[in-house]
Amino acid sequence: MLAQIVESIDITTLAFSRGLMQLMLGGLLLYLGSRDQGARGARLWAAGFLFNGLSLFVFALDLPPLWETPSRIVNHMALGVSSAFFLAGFWKFGKQPGRLSLLILVVAIPAFSLLAWEWLWPNARMRILTTASSQALFLLVLQHSLAAPPRVELATIYRRLRLVVIAYLLLVVWGYGSVAEVLPTTARVDIGYHRLLFSGGSLLFMLTLAVGCLALQFALLAARSDDLAKTDWLTGLLNRRGLFQAVSERQANSAEGEGQSLIALDIDHFKQINDRYGHAAGDHVLQVLAGHLRALADTGVLVARIGGEEFSILVPDKPAEAAAALAERVRRRCDDETVVCSDGQPIRFTISAGVAEGAAVEPLEKALARADQALYEAKRQGRNQVQLA
């Protein structure tokens, strides 16, 4: 029964079907990339699927002898170019440094294969094996690239894709090792089963790779949407929701007894700045202050715009005195600087800040309330100063 099924499968038709499927998947990824200006990885993946589908289409065509050599050129070179696009796509998606030498190599190997074994020393087996080595190189580099996901939300997809790539690499070694007669598989397995296993495995790999690429793109879009929900649109800092979520995650991973300090600050007489210079100038002042907070805050410090002209800074593992010193550095920076608006008007502004200290497991609302009380005291004392709770 199995032998009849194997004999009924036409490898050429299967290759044509694989090529058609990859053209469709490439078109889907290309459409997805066109909808997102930041989806350059998806556009490169799409090009990889389109070229890979082209190589299979050429393989499946029943061409006259005159066209056999041009078809082999297209088949081998399209396969190498598709591998280069896939690698470039994953590097771009994962924000990894590109390696032009590797891209050139995976394209140059099929070109050398054609030059050496198609024209200089015609040898079909060596041509196939040399081009296959380019595919093995591509898979090795790809699985290495998948070891470092750009975001933690993508780690599971990266890990599973890496396993798929390793499994397909083993299939490639088995398949072409048998062609080279390095592995004695062909002597023990009927050639029909051999072709079916390799073609079916290749089909499943490309389908899984396409699904993985789509899953990565959608997961990245979901992660970006989550980022936007936690980020202040004007300053790029955390918003109130983002701060509370980050603190909650940090408290879940903090050891008992670790301390933290919280700074509450806002811009003095901010309404007067808006009334005198306009809201665009007020927005610019907020952005300038946000830049100071980012520049002066140490690694691990959480900075957020709570609302309006109000900001909060969470300083982990530091006493209130250290947090007050940070607030004082910000206060001096603002007091010493003159902000120039787009219309050339100079604006001077100051800030007031309150600092509270608490345990890492303390609810953020309580620490924030104490910091706010200290901030109000700084306002009552004349503004442009830092007060400890």
Protein backbone atom coordinates (compact mmCIF):
# COMPACT_ATOMS: atom_id res chain seq x y z
CA MET A 1 0.00 0.00 0.00
CA LEU A 2 2.77 2.45 0.96
CA ALA A 3 4.69 1.54 -2.18
CA GLN A 4 1.65 2.40 -4.30
CA ILE A 5 1.31 5.77 -2.58
CA VAL A 6 4.98 6.55 -3.15
CA GLU A 7 4.78 5.55 -6.79
CA SER A 8 1.69 7.72 -7.29
CA ILE A 9 3.44 10.89 -6.06
CA ASP A 10 4.97 12.97 -8.80
CA ILE A 11 8.03 14.80 -7.43
CA THR A 12 7.79 17.38 -10.23
CA THR A 13 4.19 18.17 -9.35
CA LEU A 14 5.11 18.32 -5.68
CA ALA A 15 7.89 20.82 -6.48
CA PHE A 16 5.45 22.92 -8.51
CA SER A 17 2.99 22.88 -5.59
CA ARG A 18 5.74 23.89 -3.16
CA GLY A 19 6.75 26.76 -5.44
CA LEU A 20 3.15 27.98 -5.73
CA MET A 21 2.69 27.80 -1.95
CA GLN A 22 5.86 29.80 -1.34
CA LEU A 23 4.87 32.47 -3.84
CA MET A 24 1.56 32.85 -1.99
CA LEU A 25 3.28 33.01 1.41
CA GLY A 26 5.80 35.50 0.05
CA GLY A 27 2.95 37.65 -1.24
CA LEU A 28 1.27 37.52 2.17
CA LEU A 29 4.46 38.59 3.93
CA LEU A 30 5.01 41.31 1.34
CA TYR A 31 1.50 42.64 2.00
CA LEU A 32 2.12 42.52 5.74
CA GLY A 33 5.41 44.38 5.29
CA SER A 34 3.71 47.06 3.21
CA ARG A 35 1.26 47.72 6.06
CA ASP A 36 4.00 48.38 8.60
CA GLN A 37 6.79 50.82 7.82
CA GLY A 38 9.01 49.10 10.37
CA ALA A 39 8.55 45.61 8.90
CA ARG A 40 11.68 45.50 6.77
CA GLY A 41 12.35 42.00 8.05
CA ALA A 42 9.00 40.82 6.70
CA ARG A 43 9.72 42.33 3.28
CA LEU A 44 13.09 40.55 3.13
CA TRP A 45 11.45 37.28 4.16
CA ALA A 46 8.89 37.79 1.41
CA ALA A 47 11.69 38.17 -1.14
CA GLY A 48 13.24 34.96 0.20
CA PHE A 49 10.02 32.99 -0.30
CA LEU A 50 9.48 34.47 -3.75
CA PHE A 51 12.97 33.52 -4.96
CA ASN A 52 12.71 30.08 -3.38
CA GLY A 53 9.38 29.56 -5.12
CA LEU A 54 10.97 30.68 -8.39
CA SER A 55 13.73 28.07 -8.02
CA LEU A 56 11.12 25.33 -7.53
CA PHE A 57 9.04 26.51 -10.49
CA VAL A 58 12.06 26.34 -12.77
CA PHE A 59 12.87 22.88 -11.42
CA ALA A 60 9.34 21.70 -12.17
CA LEU A 61 9.24 23.01 -15.76
CA ASP A 62 9.60 20.47 -18.56
CA LEU A 63 11.91 22.47 -20.81
CA PRO A 64 13.57 21.43 -24.09
CA PRO A 65 17.30 20.55 -23.97
CA LEU A 66 18.27 23.99 -25.25
CA TRP A 67 16.84 25.58 -22.10
CA GLU A 68 18.21 23.12 -19.55
CA THR A 69 21.36 25.10 -18.75
CA PRO A 70 19.54 28.48 -18.35
CA SER A 71 16.95 26.78 -16.14
CA ARG A 72 19.70 25.32 -13.92
CA ILE A 73 21.27 28.77 -13.61
CA VAL A 74 17.96 30.27 -12.49
CA ASN A 75 17.26 27.32 -10.16
CA HIS A 76 20.62 27.39 -8.37
CA MET A 77 21.02 31.15 -8.21
CA ALA A 78 17.44 31.76 -7.04
CA LEU A 79 18.04 29.25 -4.25
CA GLY A 80 21.19 31.09 -3.13
CA VAL A 81 19.57 34.52 -3.38
CA SER A 82 16.55 33.33 -1.37
CA SER A 83 18.87 32.13 1.42
CA ALA A 84 20.58 35.53 1.48
CA PHE A 85 17.22 37.30 1.78
CA PHE A 86 16.12 35.01 4.61
CA LEU A 87 19.29 35.68 6.59
CA ALA A 88 19.10 39.43 5.97
CA GLY A 89 15.45 39.37 7.06
CA PHE A 90 16.19 37.66 10.37
CA TRP A 91 19.13 39.96 11.03
CA LYS A 92 17.00 43.00 10.33
CA PHE A 93 14.09 41.69 12.39
CA GLY A 94 16.34 40.71 15.29
CA LYS A 95 18.32 43.99 15.15
CA GLN A 96 21.51 41.99 14.68
CA PRO A 97 24.53 43.28 12.75
CA GLY A 98 24.45 42.13 9.14
CA ARG A 99 27.34 40.12 7.73
CA LEU A 100 27.72 40.94 4.08
CA SER A 101 30.45 38.33 3.66
CA LEU A 102 28.06 35.52 4.61
CA LEU A 103 25.37 36.81 2.26
CA ILE A 104 27.88 36.92 -0.57
CA LEU A 105 29.09 33.42 0.30
CA VAL A 106 25.67 31.74 0.20
CA VAL A 107 25.14 33.29 -3.27
CA ALA A 108 28.70 32.71 -4.49
CA ILE A 109 28.70 28.97 -3.74
CA PRO A 110 25.88 28.19 -6.24
CA ALA A 111 27.56 30.49 -8.76
CA PHE A 112 30.83 28.59 -8.36
CA SER A 113 28.92 25.33 -8.60
CA LEU A 114 27.51 26.34 -11.98
CA LEU A 115 30.84 27.61 -13.26
CA ALA A 116 32.81 24.54 -12.19
CA TRP A 117 30.38 21.67 -12.63
CA GLU A 118 28.11 22.93 -15.41
CA TRP A 119 30.66 24.44 -17.81
CA LEU A 120 34.29 23.69 -16.88
CA TRP A 121 34.00 20.10 -15.62
CA PRO A 122 30.41 18.95 -16.21
CA ASN A 123 29.34 16.81 -13.27
CA ALA A 124 25.68 16.84 -12.19
CA ARG A 125 26.32 15.17 -8.83
CA MET A 126 29.04 17.63 -7.82
CA ARG A 127 26.91 20.56 -8.98
CA ILE A 128 24.02 19.43 -6.78
CA LEU A 129 26.25 18.73 -3.78
CA THR A 130 28.13 22.02 -4.02
CA THR A 131 24.89 23.99 -4.13
CA ALA A 132 23.58 21.88 -1.24
CA SER A 133 26.58 22.98 0.84
CA SER A 134 25.32 26.55 0.44
CA GLN A 135 21.99 25.46 1.92
CA ALA A 136 23.76 23.76 4.82
CA LEU A 137 25.73 26.94 5.48
CA PHE A 138 22.53 28.99 5.35
CA LEU A 139 20.84 26.70 7.91
CA LEU A 140 23.84 26.80 10.25
CA VAL A 141 23.96 30.60 10.20
CA LEU A 142 20.17 30.84 10.58
CA GLN A 143 20.02 28.62 13.66
CA HIS A 144 22.83 30.68 15.20
CA SER A 145 20.90 33.89 14.50
CA LEU A 146 17.81 32.43 16.16
CA ALA A 147 19.71 32.02 19.43
CA ALA A 148 19.21 35.71 20.35
CA PRO A 149 15.59 36.93 20.15
CA PRO A 150 15.24 40.74 20.12
CA ARG A 151 12.47 40.69 22.73
CA VAL A 152 11.51 38.29 25.49
CA GLU A 153 8.00 38.01 24.02
CA LEU A 154 9.49 36.38 20.92
CA ALA A 155 11.74 33.89 22.73
CA THR A 156 9.37 30.92 22.45
CA ILE A 157 8.89 31.34 18.69
CA TYR A 158 12.64 31.75 18.19
CA ARG A 159 13.36 28.62 20.22
CA ARG A 160 10.88 26.50 18.26
CA LEU A 161 12.08 27.82 14.91
CA ARG A 162 15.61 26.96 15.90
CA LEU A 163 14.61 23.36 16.58
CA VAL A 164 12.88 23.21 13.19
CA VAL A 165 15.99 24.56 11.45
CA ILE A 166 18.21 22.01 13.19
CA ALA A 167 15.84 19.18 12.22
CA TYR A 168 15.84 20.30 8.59
CA LEU A 169 19.62 20.64 8.61
CA LEU A 170 19.84 16.99 9.65
CA LEU A 171 17.45 16.09 6.82
CA VAL A 172 19.62 18.02 4.32
CA VAL A 173 22.74 16.23 5.52
CA TRP A 174 20.95 12.88 5.27
CA GLY A 175 19.51 13.61 1.85
CA TYR A 176 22.58 14.98 0.13
CA GLY A 177 24.92 12.70 2.06
CA SER A 178 23.09 9.84 0.41
CA VAL A 179 23.48 11.47 -3.00
CA ALA A 180 27.22 11.70 -2.36
CA GLU A 181 27.18 8.09 -1.19
CA VAL A 182 28.80 9.22 2.03
CA LEU A 183 25.82 7.79 3.88
CA PRO A 184 24.61 4.33 2.81
CA THR A 185 20.96 5.31 3.12
CA THR A 186 20.15 5.09 -0.58
CA ALA A 187 21.36 1.51 -0.68
CA ARG A 188 18.89 0.54 2.03
CA VAL A 189 15.94 2.82 1.19
CA ASP A 190 14.17 2.79 -2.13
CA ILE A 191 14.86 5.94 -4.17
CA GLY A 192 11.13 6.71 -4.27
CA TYR A 193 10.90 6.77 -0.48
CA HIS A 194 14.11 8.83 -0.34
CA ARG A 195 12.73 11.50 -2.65
CA LEU A 196 9.38 11.52 -0.90
CA LEU A 197 10.93 11.96 2.56
CA PHE A 198 13.22 14.75 1.40
CA SER A 199 10.56 16.58 -0.64
CA GLY A 200 7.97 16.21 2.11
CA GLY A 201 10.44 17.38 4.75
CA SER A 202 11.41 20.39 2.62
CA LEU A 203 7.74 21.26 2.17
CA LEU A 204 7.08 21.06 5.92
CA PHE A 205 10.18 23.12 6.68
CA MET A 206 9.27 25.97 4.35
CA LEU A 207 5.67 25.94 5.56
CA THR A 208 6.82 26.02 9.19
CA LEU A 209 9.31 28.78 8.42
CA ALA A 210 6.58 30.85 6.79
CA VAL A 211 4.20 30.34 9.71
CA GLY A 212 7.04 31.24 12.07
CA CYS A 213 7.81 34.44 10.16
CA LEU A 214 4.14 35.44 10.26
CA ALA A 215 3.92 34.59 13.96
CA LEU A 216 7.01 36.68 14.69
CA GLN A 217 5.66 39.69 12.82
CA PHE A 218 2.26 39.54 14.54
CA ALA A 219 3.89 38.95 17.95
CA LEU A 220 6.12 41.99 17.39
CA LEU A 221 3.12 44.12 16.44
CA ALA A 222 1.33 42.97 19.61
CA ALA A 223 4.41 43.79 21.70
CA ARG A 224 4.66 47.23 20.12
CA SER A 225 1.00 47.89 20.87
CA ASP A 226 1.62 46.89 24.48
CA ASP A 227 4.59 49.27 24.57
CA LEU A 228 2.46 52.12 23.25
CA ALA A 229 -0.13 51.44 25.94
CA LYS A 230 2.59 51.82 28.59
CA THR A 231 4.46 54.76 27.04
CA ASP A 232 3.73 58.48 27.16
CA TRP A 233 3.23 59.65 23.57
CA LEU A 234 4.86 63.06 24.06
CA THR A 235 8.02 62.31 26.05
CA GLY A 236 8.63 58.62 25.31
CA LEU A 237 8.80 57.90 29.05
CA LEU A 238 6.65 55.37 30.85
CA ASN A 239 3.12 56.54 31.59
CA ARG A 240 1.29 55.85 34.83
CA ARG A 241 0.16 52.41 33.70
CA GLY A 242 3.65 51.52 32.49
CA LEU A 243 5.23 52.60 35.78
CA PHE A 244 2.81 50.61 37.91
CA GLN A 245 3.25 47.52 35.74
CA ALA A 246 7.07 47.80 35.79
CA VAL A 247 7.06 48.22 39.56
CA SER A 248 4.74 45.24 39.95
CA GLU A 249 7.04 43.06 37.87
CA ARG A 250 10.07 44.28 39.79
CA GLN A 251 8.43 43.61 43.16
CA ALA A 252 7.59 40.08 42.06
CA ASN A 253 11.29 39.43 41.44
CA SER A 254 12.74 41.43 44.36
CA ALA A 255 14.25 39.88 47.43
CA GLU A 256 12.55 40.60 50.72
CA GLY A 257 13.95 43.70 52.37
CA GLU A 258 15.37 45.44 49.34
CA GLY A 259 14.63 49.15 49.56
CA GLN A 260 13.61 51.73 47.01
CA SER A 261 13.04 55.46 46.83
CA LEU A 262 10.47 57.40 44.85
CA ILE A 263 10.75 60.94 43.52
CA ALA A 264 7.67 62.99 42.65
CA LEU A 265 8.39 66.20 40.73
CA ASP A 266 6.63 68.70 38.55
CA ILE A 267 7.30 71.96 36.74
CA ASP A 268 6.70 75.14 38.71
CA HIS A 269 4.00 77.44 37.33
CA PHE A 270 3.58 75.28 34.24
CA LYS A 271 0.14 76.76 33.51
CA GLN A 272 1.74 80.18 33.19
CA ILE A 273 4.19 78.80 30.61
CA ASN A 274 1.27 77.45 28.56
CA ASP A 275 -0.69 80.68 28.90
CA ARG A 276 2.23 82.94 27.99
CA TYR A 277 4.06 80.94 25.31
CA GLY A 278 1.40 78.51 24.07
CA HIS A 279 0.84 74.78 24.47
CA ALA A 280 3.42 73.88 21.80
CA ALA A 281 6.07 75.61 23.91
CA GLY A 282 4.77 73.83 27.00
CA ASP A 283 5.09 70.49 25.22
CA HIS A 284 8.66 71.38 24.27
CA VAL A 285 9.50 72.14 27.90
CA LEU A 286 8.08 68.74 28.92
CA GLN A 287 10.26 67.05 26.32
CA VAL A 288 13.34 68.92 27.51
CA LEU A 289 12.69 67.85 31.10
CA ALA A 290 12.15 64.24 29.98
CA GLY A 291 15.53 64.38 28.22
CA HIS A 292 17.19 65.58 31.44
CA LEU A 293 15.57 62.76 33.41
CA ARG A 294 16.77 60.14 30.94
CA ALA A 295 20.28 61.58 30.85
CA LEU A 296 20.74 61.86 34.61
CA ALA A 297 19.02 58.67 35.73
CA ASP A 298 21.20 55.61 36.31
CA THR A 299 20.60 52.17 34.80
CA GLY A 300 17.63 50.44 36.41
CA VAL A 301 15.89 53.68 37.38
CA LEU A 302 12.26 53.91 36.21
CA VAL A 303 11.20 57.32 34.90
CA ALA A 304 7.57 58.10 34.11
CA ARG A 305 5.31 60.98 33.21
CA ILE A 306 2.34 60.51 35.50
CA GLY A 307 0.20 63.19 33.88
CA GLY A 308 0.34 66.83 32.84
CA GLU A 309 3.57 68.29 34.18
CA GLU A 310 3.95 65.60 36.87
CA PHE A 311 6.78 63.06 36.74
CA SER A 312 7.85 60.18 38.96
CA ILE A 313 11.22 58.47 39.31
CA LEU A 314 11.67 55.14 41.08
CA VAL A 315 15.22 54.53 42.29
CA PRO A 316 15.74 50.90 43.36
CA ASP A 317 18.08 49.79 46.13
CA LYS A 318 18.92 53.38 47.12
CA PRO A 319 18.10 55.38 50.28
CA ALA A 320 16.14 58.60 50.15
CA GLU A 321 19.32 60.66 50.36
CA ALA A 322 20.66 59.18 47.11
CA ALA A 323 17.32 59.79 45.39
CA ALA A 324 17.28 63.35 46.70
CA ALA A 325 20.75 63.88 45.22
CA LEU A 326 19.42 62.73 41.83
CA ALA A 327 16.43 65.07 42.14
CA GLU A 328 18.79 67.92 43.03
CA ARG A 329 20.90 67.27 39.91
CA VAL A 330 17.76 67.48 37.79
CA ARG A 331 16.65 70.65 39.58
CA ARG A 332 19.99 72.37 38.97
CA ARG A 333 20.05 71.32 35.32
CA CYS A 334 16.61 72.86 34.76
CA ASP A 335 17.43 75.99 36.74
CA ASP A 336 20.60 76.61 34.75
CA GLU A 337 19.13 76.06 31.28
CA THR A 338 17.22 78.36 28.98
CA VAL A 339 14.87 76.54 26.61
CA VAL A 340 14.51 78.09 23.17
CA CYS A 341 11.18 77.45 21.44
CA SER A 342 10.68 76.99 17.71
CA ASP A 343 9.78 80.68 17.37
CA GLY A 344 13.02 81.68 19.11
CA GLN A 345 11.46 82.69 22.43
CA PRO A 346 13.61 81.83 25.47
CA ILE A 347 11.87 80.08 28.37
CA ARG A 348 13.22 79.60 31.89
CA PHE A 349 11.59 77.02 34.14
CA THR A 350 12.22 75.35 37.48
CA ILE A 351 11.00 72.18 39.16
CA SER A 352 10.03 71.12 42.66
CA ALA A 353 10.50 67.57 43.95
CA GLY A 354 9.55 65.37 46.89
CA VAL A 355 11.35 62.18 47.88
CA ALA A 356 10.03 59.21 49.85
CA GLU A 357 11.72 55.96 50.86
CA GLY A 358 10.00 52.60 51.21
CA ALA A 359 10.37 48.83 51.08
CA ALA A 360 10.38 47.05 47.72
CA VAL A 361 7.17 45.21 48.62
CA GLU A 362 5.31 48.37 49.62
CA PRO A 363 2.40 49.29 47.31
CA LEU A 364 3.46 52.02 44.92
CA GLU A 365 0.41 54.13 45.76
CA LYS A 366 1.57 54.57 49.37
CA ALA A 367 5.11 55.56 48.46
CA LEU A 368 3.81 57.88 45.76
CA ALA A 369 1.43 59.54 48.25
CA ARG A 370 4.29 60.25 50.65
CA ALA A 371 6.45 61.62 47.83
CA ASP A 372 3.54 63.85 46.75
CA GLN A 373 3.23 65.20 50.29
CA ALA A 374 6.92 66.10 50.24
CA LEU A 375 6.40 67.72 46.80
CA TYR A 376 3.55 69.84 48.16
CA GLU A 377 5.80 70.88 51.04
CA ALA A 378 8.46 71.98 48.51
CA LYS A 379 5.78 74.06 46.79
CA ARG A 380 4.75 75.65 50.09
CA GLN A 381 8.38 76.45 50.92
CA GLY A 382 8.72 78.52 47.74
CA ARG A 383 9.28 76.00 44.91
CA ASN A 384 12.51 75.23 43.02
CA GLN A 385 13.71 72.85 45.73
CA VAL A 386 13.78 69.22 46.87
CA GLN A 387 12.09 68.02 50.06
CA LEU A 388 12.35 64.66 51.85
CA ALA A 389 9.20 63.01 53.16
